Protein backbone atom coordinates (compact mmCIF):
# COMPACT_ATOMS: atom_id res chain seq x y z
CA UNK A 1 108.74 95.60 91.11
CA UNK A 2 109.88 95.52 87.42
CA UNK A 3 108.34 97.60 84.51
CA UNK A 4 105.67 95.55 83.09
CA UNK A 5 104.21 97.00 80.04
CA UNK A 6 100.90 94.96 80.64
CA UNK A 7 100.52 96.90 84.08
CA UNK A 8 102.24 100.37 83.38
CA UNK A 9 100.68 102.14 86.12
CA UNK A 10 101.61 101.34 89.96
CA UNK A 11 100.05 103.36 92.32
CA UNK A 12 100.55 103.61 96.21
CA UNK A 13 97.32 104.48 98.05
CA UNK A 14 98.13 106.17 101.43
CA UNK A 15 94.87 105.30 103.60
CA UNK A 16 95.68 106.57 107.04
CA UNK A 17 98.95 107.89 108.66
CA UNK A 18 102.02 105.81 107.55
CA UNK A 19 99.99 103.04 106.14
CA UNK A 20 99.56 102.69 102.52
CA UNK A 21 98.73 99.60 100.03
CA UNK A 22 100.25 99.44 96.72
CA UNK A 23 101.46 96.91 94.12
CA UNK A 24 103.81 95.13 96.54
CA UNK A 25 101.16 94.45 99.30
CA UNK A 26 98.55 93.51 96.75
CA UNK A 27 100.81 91.08 95.04
CA UNK A 28 101.80 89.57 98.47
CA UNK A 29 98.10 89.11 99.13
CA UNK A 30 97.47 87.58 95.95
CA UNK A 31 100.63 85.17 96.42
CA UNK A 32 99.14 84.15 99.72
CA UNK A 33 95.81 83.46 98.25
CA UNK A 34 97.50 81.30 95.37
CA UNK A 35 100.12 79.51 97.38
CA UNK A 36 98.35 79.27 100.93
CA UNK A 37 101.82 80.20 102.35
CA UNK A 38 103.49 83.56 103.50
CA UNK A 39 106.80 82.06 103.06
CA UNK A 40 105.91 80.91 99.54
CA UNK A 41 104.37 84.12 98.50
CA UNK A 42 107.44 85.80 99.59
CA UNK A 43 109.83 83.62 97.86
CA UNK A 44 107.72 84.20 94.73
CA UNK A 45 108.33 87.97 95.07
CA UNK A 46 112.03 87.44 95.97
CA UNK A 47 111.17 88.79 99.36
CA UNK A 48 112.58 87.50 102.76
CA UNK A 49 109.97 85.49 105.06
CA UNK A 50 110.53 88.24 107.72
CA UNK A 51 109.60 91.12 105.32
CA UNK A 52 106.68 89.30 103.94
CA UNK A 53 105.49 88.60 107.56
CA UNK A 54 106.18 92.15 108.55
CA UNK A 55 103.95 93.27 105.79
CA UNK A 56 101.01 90.92 106.73
CA UNK A 57 101.31 92.09 110.31
CA UNK A 58 101.03 95.79 109.23
CA UNK A 59 98.16 94.85 107.13
CA UNK A 60 96.42 93.02 109.78
CA UNK A 61 96.99 95.92 112.30
CA UNK A 62 95.77 98.50 109.89
CA UNK A 63 92.43 96.99 108.82
CA UNK A 64 89.39 96.52 111.31
CA UNK A 65 89.53 92.69 110.72
CA UNK A 66 92.68 90.69 109.62
CA UNK A 67 93.36 90.26 105.93
CA UNK A 68 95.38 87.05 106.39
CA UNK A 69 94.97 84.35 108.91
CA UNK A 70 97.66 81.80 109.80
CA UNK A 71 97.86 78.34 111.11
CA UNK A 72 101.03 77.01 112.80
CA UNK A 73 102.33 73.59 112.05
CA UNK A 74 105.10 73.78 109.35
CA UNK A 75 104.58 72.88 105.69
CA UNK A 76 102.56 69.69 106.50
CA UNK A 77 99.79 71.58 108.52
CA UNK A 78 100.41 74.96 108.69
CA UNK A 79 99.61 77.86 106.26
CA UNK A 80 97.99 81.18 105.63
CA UNK A 81 94.86 82.34 103.89
CA UNK A 82 93.19 85.47 103.13
CA UNK A 83 90.24 86.32 104.96
CA UNK A 84 86.92 87.85 103.41
CA UNK A 85 88.28 91.00 104.46
CA UNK A 86 91.62 90.32 102.53
CA UNK A 87 89.67 89.09 99.58
CA UNK A 88 87.89 92.28 99.48
CA UNK A 89 90.94 94.41 100.00
CA UNK A 90 92.64 92.80 97.20
CA UNK A 91 89.57 92.99 94.97
CA UNK A 92 89.05 96.49 95.76
CA UNK A 93 92.65 97.53 94.97
CA UNK A 94 92.91 95.75 91.71
CA UNK A 95 89.59 97.46 90.71
CA UNK A 96 91.04 100.72 91.54
CA UNK A 97 94.28 100.05 89.47
CA UNK A 98 92.06 98.95 86.32
CA UNK A 99 89.94 102.10 86.70
CA UNK A 100 93.02 104.33 86.98
CA UNK A 101 94.66 102.45 84.30
CA UNK A 102 91.82 102.97 81.89
CA UNK A 103 91.55 106.68 82.92
CA UNK A 104 95.25 107.32 82.44
CA UNK A 105 95.77 105.25 79.32
CA UNK A 106 95.50 108.35 76.77
CA UNK A 107 98.28 110.17 78.77
CA UNK A 108 100.38 107.18 79.10
CA UNK A 109 100.12 106.74 75.45
CA UNK A 110 101.06 110.47 74.80
CA UNK A 111 104.20 110.05 77.18
CA UNK A 112 105.14 106.65 75.44
CA UNK A 113 104.96 108.49 72.07
CA UNK A 114 107.36 110.98 73.27
CA UNK A 115 109.91 108.55 74.47
CA UNK A 116 113.40 108.52 72.38
CA UNK A 117 113.79 105.46 70.27
CA UNK A 118 116.50 104.30 72.78
CA UNK A 119 114.25 104.39 75.63
CA UNK A 120 111.40 102.70 73.79
CA UNK A 121 114.19 99.85 72.77
CA UNK A 122 115.49 99.66 76.32
CA UNK A 123 111.92 99.19 77.45
CA UNK A 124 111.36 96.36 75.11
CA UNK A 125 114.47 94.62 76.38
CA UNK A 126 113.23 94.67 80.07
């Protein structure tokens, strides 16, 4: 994920064992919600279908109820959608990021003010 000045905070939340949710999984869920397709959501993120499917399987296995439901049938009849659990997982993660960003904003501003002029101009170019 590239550095986005509008979203300077990227947190990965370890929930249990090796399972964590972070900006990549949240963006994937958002992409599935928006496109109705795991493949399209993966393409939007420049991620292979295999990787996107693997992340969906990991999320579905980690939560008590699936976060994504799929229908087989190809582009004409198939697709994917977030379940109610998936919608809540995504909304909860986004709320956490918003709260964390607001709480950390003064410290982020302090760090930004300490950047060298070269680093600041490089950040504007990206």
